[in-house]
Structures are given as C-alpha cells and as structure tokens.
Amino acid sequence: MVPELVNVGIGLVTSLLGALLGRLWERGRRRRGLYRKAVFFGVRPGEDCLIVLGSKHGTPGSAHHRDARAGIELALLLAEFGCPVTVEPGTLRGGNGDRTEFCIGGPVGDANPRTGGHLAAHLPGVAIRPFGSGDDAVAFAVGGRQYDFDRGVQEYALVARFTPVESTRPVILVCGQSSVANQAAVRFLRRDYAQVVASVASVHRFCVLIRVGHIGTYLFHRASLEGDVSAAAFGHG
C-alpha cells in the first residue's frame, strides 16, 4: 500500500512540475517573441510613440478611412508593449525626438508632406512619379526598376526604417501607392515582420517593398514581400 501511495505522490508531483515548466516555457517563448518584435519596430515597452497619418488625396485635414484603420492596427500593436500613442497629421514639423514615429501614407498630392520630407532627407534613391494619366503615374522607381501602380489590381508599398541624426528613436515609414497599399503593408508588418527580418542586413536601417496583389478579390489581405531595396534606396543607385 505504501509503495503505491509513494508512486501516486511521485506521479502528482511530476505532473505539477511538468505543468509548471510548460507554463514557464510558454511565458518565456512569448516574452522572447515580444522582445524580437519590439526590436524590429524600434520600440521600448512603456515609451511614447507617434503615429503620423496623411490626409485623403485632395481633402486636406481628412484621413482616408483605410489609413485610419492602418493607424488603429499600429495602435493595437503598440498596445502590446504598453506604449502610449499620439496621433498627428502629415503637416507635422520637427523631429520625432525620443518617440518612435510611424508615418503612414505617400506624399503624392500633398497627402502626407512629412513622408515627402523623410524620403528627400533619408531615401534619395527612391523616386515617386507624379499623379497623372500616364502609365507611370504614382510608380515607384528604385534600384533601376520601376514598380507601376495598377490601381485595384496590383499595388506597392515602400516600408523603411531609419533614425534621423537629431533623434534618439527611429522612424518607420509606410509609403503606399494608395490607402489600400498602406493598410496592406501595416497588416503585413504586424503579422509577418519576421519575413522582413530574414531578408534585410540590419533591422535598424532598411527599406523593403511590399506587393499587394489580386486587390479586386482579396483587397488588402494578399500582401507579400517583394524584396529588399535598402542599398539603392539609401544611396543614389
């Protein structure tokens, strides 16, 4: 009888230890995953962050609802780290200082002037064709290639990270050819940032292109990593 009770006791203790170790391992795994995500996005738990939203094309002061949703997705991401968020329009001037900045929207049509300033100051190898009726309207040109804007069919978003010399925290720039591309890129980053990590030489300074395909069917849900264009974007090639 005594040996049986001892075996039962050992079994219970083993089960409890196994459950405890399992919980500790899972908690550690989640913490490691959260740490890797925080490193990629350049945030520290509890730090203030800044979201800059562009305006709807031709309607200054009014954000497109898809850009607003992209901002909400970012706010939910930052909530994972307990980061307070301030939202500002694309007319914002000055440095981001000690706040990680997420700047959403392209500069075409003065939709987001801050994006235009960031591109000019940090990504001289990127050119965006002006809005118009030509085949290359709103196309991205970088690294000797052109990425055309096929509205509602296939579009692109440029995503870059850099730290201005006057700031202590980085800027994450999401510059899409449309609000659909902006939302798709933010959603892709939130769910599949590890693909970007694996494709770039450094998560502290990079520029990649996100392709959004089959928009007529899948809207902003089918986004994929087109490639790393960091060398060309930060240079002049």
Protein backbone atom coordinates (compact mmCIF):
# COMPACT_ATOMS: atom_id res chain seq x y z
CA MET A 1 0.00 0.00 0.00
CA VAL A 2 2.77 2.43 0.97
CA PRO A 3 4.73 1.92 -2.28
CA GLU A 4 1.52 2.54 -4.23
CA LEU A 5 0.90 5.80 -2.35
CA VAL A 6 4.50 6.84 -2.97
CA ASN A 7 4.09 6.17 -6.70
CA VAL A 8 0.86 8.19 -6.78
CA GLY A 9 2.59 11.04 -4.95
CA ILE A 10 5.54 10.98 -7.33
CA GLY A 11 3.14 10.98 -10.27
CA LEU A 12 1.26 14.01 -8.93
CA VAL A 13 4.47 15.91 -8.24
CA THR A 14 5.80 15.06 -11.70
CA SER A 15 2.56 16.24 -13.32
CA LEU A 16 2.59 19.51 -11.36
CA LEU A 17 6.23 20.15 -12.21
CA GLY A 18 5.56 19.37 -15.86
CA ALA A 19 2.64 21.78 -15.97
CA LEU A 20 4.66 24.49 -14.21
CA LEU A 21 7.65 24.07 -16.52
CA GLY A 22 5.32 24.12 -19.51
CA ARG A 23 3.80 27.39 -18.40
CA LEU A 24 7.20 28.92 -17.72
CA TRP A 25 8.47 27.81 -21.13
CA GLU A 26 5.40 29.23 -22.88
CA ARG A 27 5.70 32.51 -20.97
CA GLY A 28 9.39 32.72 -21.87
CA ARG A 29 8.62 31.97 -25.52
CA ARG A 30 6.05 34.75 -25.63
CA ARG A 31 8.42 37.19 -23.99
CA ARG A 32 11.18 36.34 -26.45
CA GLY A 33 8.76 36.79 -29.34
CA LEU A 34 7.58 40.13 -27.96
CA TYR A 35 11.19 41.26 -27.49
CA ARG A 36 12.08 40.38 -31.10
CA LYS A 37 9.03 42.27 -32.34
CA ALA A 38 9.90 45.30 -30.20
CA VAL A 39 13.44 45.33 -31.60
CA PHE A 40 12.14 45.24 -35.16
CA PHE A 41 9.71 48.10 -34.66
CA GLY A 42 12.20 50.11 -32.63
CA VAL A 43 10.04 50.49 -29.54
CA ARG A 44 10.63 50.01 -25.85
CA PRO A 45 7.82 48.93 -23.52
CA GLY A 46 6.07 51.90 -21.96
CA GLU A 47 7.71 54.51 -24.22
CA ASP A 48 5.66 57.16 -26.01
CA CYS A 49 5.15 56.60 -29.75
CA LEU A 50 3.96 58.84 -32.56
CA ILE A 51 1.65 57.93 -35.45
CA VAL A 52 1.55 60.39 -38.36
CA LEU A 53 -1.43 59.98 -40.69
CA GLY A 54 -1.67 61.52 -44.13
CA SER A 55 -4.83 63.10 -45.46
CA LYS A 56 -7.19 61.86 -48.16
CA HIS A 57 -5.98 62.88 -51.63
CA GLY A 58 -7.48 66.28 -52.41
CA THR A 59 -9.08 66.60 -48.97
CA PRO A 60 -6.60 68.18 -46.54
CA GLY A 61 -7.29 67.52 -42.88
CA SER A 62 -9.35 64.39 -43.53
CA ALA A 63 -7.68 60.99 -43.23
CA HIS A 64 -8.78 58.20 -45.54
CA HIS A 65 -10.67 55.55 -43.60
CA ARG A 66 -8.15 52.88 -44.66
CA ASP A 67 -5.27 54.97 -43.37
CA ALA A 68 -7.21 55.43 -40.15
CA ARG A 69 -7.62 51.66 -39.91
CA ALA A 70 -3.91 51.23 -40.53
CA GLY A 71 -3.31 53.63 -37.65
CA ILE A 72 -5.61 51.57 -35.45
CA GLU A 73 -3.69 48.41 -36.34
CA LEU A 74 -0.47 50.14 -35.31
CA ALA A 75 -2.06 51.37 -32.08
CA LEU A 76 -3.09 47.79 -31.26
CA LEU A 77 0.45 46.62 -31.99
CA LEU A 78 1.91 49.28 -29.71
CA ALA A 79 -0.59 48.38 -27.00
CA GLU A 80 1.16 45.01 -26.79
CA PHE A 81 4.18 46.92 -25.46
CA GLY A 82 2.18 49.28 -23.26
CA CYS A 83 3.23 52.27 -25.38
CA PRO A 84 1.10 55.43 -25.22
CA VAL A 85 0.34 56.81 -28.69
CA THR A 86 -0.03 60.34 -30.04
CA VAL A 87 -1.56 60.85 -33.48
CA GLU A 88 -0.52 63.82 -35.64
CA PRO A 89 -1.33 64.92 -39.22
CA GLY A 90 1.15 64.79 -42.08
CA THR A 91 1.73 68.53 -41.77
CA LEU A 92 3.72 67.88 -38.59
CA ARG A 93 7.10 69.61 -38.49
CA GLY A 94 10.12 68.91 -36.31
CA GLY A 95 11.95 65.79 -35.22
CA ASN A 96 10.47 62.75 -33.56
CA GLY A 97 12.94 63.11 -30.67
CA ASP A 98 12.62 60.27 -28.19
CA ARG A 99 9.40 58.89 -29.70
CA THR A 100 9.37 56.11 -32.28
CA GLU A 101 7.47 57.52 -35.25
CA PHE A 102 5.19 55.57 -37.58
CA CYS A 103 4.49 57.69 -40.66
CA ILE A 104 1.70 56.38 -42.92
CA GLY A 105 0.86 57.48 -46.43
CA GLY A 106 2.57 58.66 -49.60
CA PRO A 107 3.44 62.26 -50.48
CA VAL A 108 1.66 62.43 -53.86
CA GLY A 109 -0.83 65.28 -53.98
CA ASP A 110 0.44 66.53 -50.60
CA ALA A 111 -1.44 63.68 -48.94
CA ASN A 112 1.41 63.30 -46.46
CA PRO A 113 4.05 66.05 -46.75
CA ARG A 114 6.04 64.55 -43.90
CA THR A 115 6.59 61.39 -45.94
CA GLY A 116 7.94 63.53 -48.76
CA GLY A 117 10.35 65.17 -46.34
CA HIS A 118 11.50 61.83 -44.96
CA LEU A 119 12.11 60.46 -48.45
CA ALA A 120 14.11 63.52 -49.52
CA ALA A 121 16.22 63.52 -46.36
CA HIS A 122 16.88 59.79 -45.94
CA LEU A 123 15.96 57.85 -49.09
CA PRO A 124 17.41 59.78 -52.05
CA GLY A 125 17.43 56.66 -54.20
CA VAL A 126 13.62 56.49 -54.22
CA ALA A 127 11.58 58.42 -56.78
CA ILE A 128 7.78 58.56 -56.98
CA ARG A 129 6.24 59.58 -60.27
CA PRO A 130 3.65 62.37 -60.03
CA PHE A 131 -0.06 61.69 -60.16
CA GLY A 132 -1.48 61.90 -63.68
CA SER A 133 -2.94 59.99 -66.59
CA GLY A 134 0.29 58.43 -67.83
CA ASP A 135 1.17 54.75 -67.49
CA ASP A 136 3.82 55.55 -64.88
CA ALA A 137 1.58 57.68 -62.63
CA VAL A 138 2.44 57.12 -58.94
CA ALA A 139 5.01 54.47 -59.91
CA PHE A 140 7.97 53.86 -57.58
CA ALA A 141 11.44 53.94 -59.12
CA VAL A 142 14.29 52.48 -57.10
CA GLY A 143 17.39 50.48 -57.90
CA GLY A 144 16.95 50.82 -61.65
CA ARG A 145 13.47 49.29 -61.57
CA GLN A 146 10.02 50.78 -61.78
CA TYR A 147 7.09 49.45 -59.78
CA ASP A 148 3.90 50.53 -61.53
CA PHE A 149 0.65 51.46 -59.88
CA ASP A 150 -2.14 49.27 -61.25
CA ARG A 151 -4.99 50.62 -59.15
CA GLY A 152 -7.23 47.96 -57.70
CA VAL A 153 -5.20 45.15 -59.28
CA GLN A 154 -1.58 45.27 -58.06
CA GLU A 155 -0.03 48.00 -55.95
CA TYR A 156 3.11 48.54 -53.89
CA ALA A 157 4.09 50.00 -50.56
CA LEU A 158 7.56 51.05 -49.53
CA VAL A 159 8.48 50.36 -45.90
CA ALA A 160 11.62 51.85 -44.41
CA ARG A 161 13.24 52.28 -41.04
CA PHE A 162 15.91 54.87 -40.22
CA THR A 163 16.88 57.12 -37.33
CA PRO A 164 17.26 60.86 -38.01
CA VAL A 165 20.53 62.28 -36.66
CA GLU A 166 18.63 64.67 -34.39
CA SER A 167 16.52 61.89 -32.86
CA THR A 168 17.14 59.06 -30.43
CA ARG A 169 14.33 56.83 -31.72
CA PRO A 170 13.68 55.58 -35.26
CA VAL A 171 11.08 56.37 -37.90
CA ILE A 172 9.06 53.58 -39.51
CA LEU A 173 7.83 54.86 -42.85
CA VAL A 174 4.91 53.20 -44.68
CA CYS A 175 4.53 54.80 -48.09
CA GLY A 176 1.91 53.07 -50.22
CA GLN A 177 0.70 53.92 -53.70
CA SER A 178 -2.83 54.05 -52.25
CA SER A 179 -4.61 53.75 -48.92
CA VAL A 180 -5.21 50.07 -49.73
CA ALA A 181 -1.47 49.54 -50.07
CA ASN A 182 -0.87 51.41 -46.81
CA GLN A 183 -3.31 49.21 -44.91
CA ALA A 184 -1.96 46.05 -46.54
CA ALA A 185 1.62 46.94 -45.61
CA VAL A 186 0.77 47.66 -41.97
CA ARG A 187 -1.17 44.42 -41.71
CA PHE A 188 1.72 42.52 -43.30
CA LEU A 189 4.23 44.05 -40.90
CA ARG A 190 2.11 43.25 -37.88
CA ARG A 191 1.68 39.60 -38.84
CA ASP A 192 4.76 38.75 -40.93
CA TYR A 193 7.51 41.10 -39.77
CA ALA A 194 9.79 38.06 -39.37
CA GLN A 195 9.95 37.78 -43.18
CA VAL A 196 11.41 41.27 -43.32
CA VAL A 197 13.87 40.45 -40.53
CA ALA A 198 15.13 37.47 -42.53
CA SER A 199 15.54 39.48 -45.73
CA VAL A 200 17.45 42.58 -44.56
CA ALA A 201 21.03 43.02 -43.39
CA SER A 202 20.00 45.11 -40.39
CA VAL A 203 16.63 45.75 -38.76
CA HIS A 204 17.93 49.14 -37.60
CA ARG A 205 18.09 50.58 -41.13
CA PHE A 206 16.30 49.06 -44.08
CA CYS A 207 13.95 49.68 -46.99
CA VAL A 208 11.74 46.99 -48.49
CA LEU A 209 8.90 46.85 -50.98
CA ILE A 210 5.60 45.12 -50.22
CA ARG A 211 3.48 43.92 -53.15
CA VAL A 212 -0.31 43.87 -52.82
CA GLY A 213 -1.90 41.59 -55.39
CA HIS A 214 -5.35 40.48 -56.57
CA ILE A 215 -6.89 43.51 -54.86
CA GLY A 216 -10.19 43.10 -56.67
CA THR A 217 -10.69 39.78 -54.88
CA TYR A 218 -8.67 39.96 -51.68
CA LEU A 219 -8.47 43.73 -51.10
CA PHE A 220 -5.61 44.40 -48.63
CA HIS A 221 -5.31 40.81 -47.40
CA ARG A 222 -2.90 39.45 -50.02
CA ALA A 223 0.40 41.20 -49.39
CA SER A 224 3.86 39.74 -49.88
CA LEU A 225 7.45 40.82 -49.60
CA GLU A 226 8.70 41.97 -53.00
CA GLY A 227 12.29 42.48 -51.89
CA ASP A 228 14.96 44.40 -50.04
CA VAL A 229 15.96 47.65 -51.80
CA SER A 230 17.93 49.16 -48.93
CA ALA A 231 21.22 49.71 -50.78
CA ALA A 232 19.60 51.56 -53.67
CA ALA A 233 17.08 53.48 -51.56
CA PHE A 234 19.58 54.91 -49.09
CA GLY A 235 22.10 55.59 -51.85
CA HIS A 236 21.57 57.04 -55.27
CA GLY A 237 21.64 53.92 -57.44
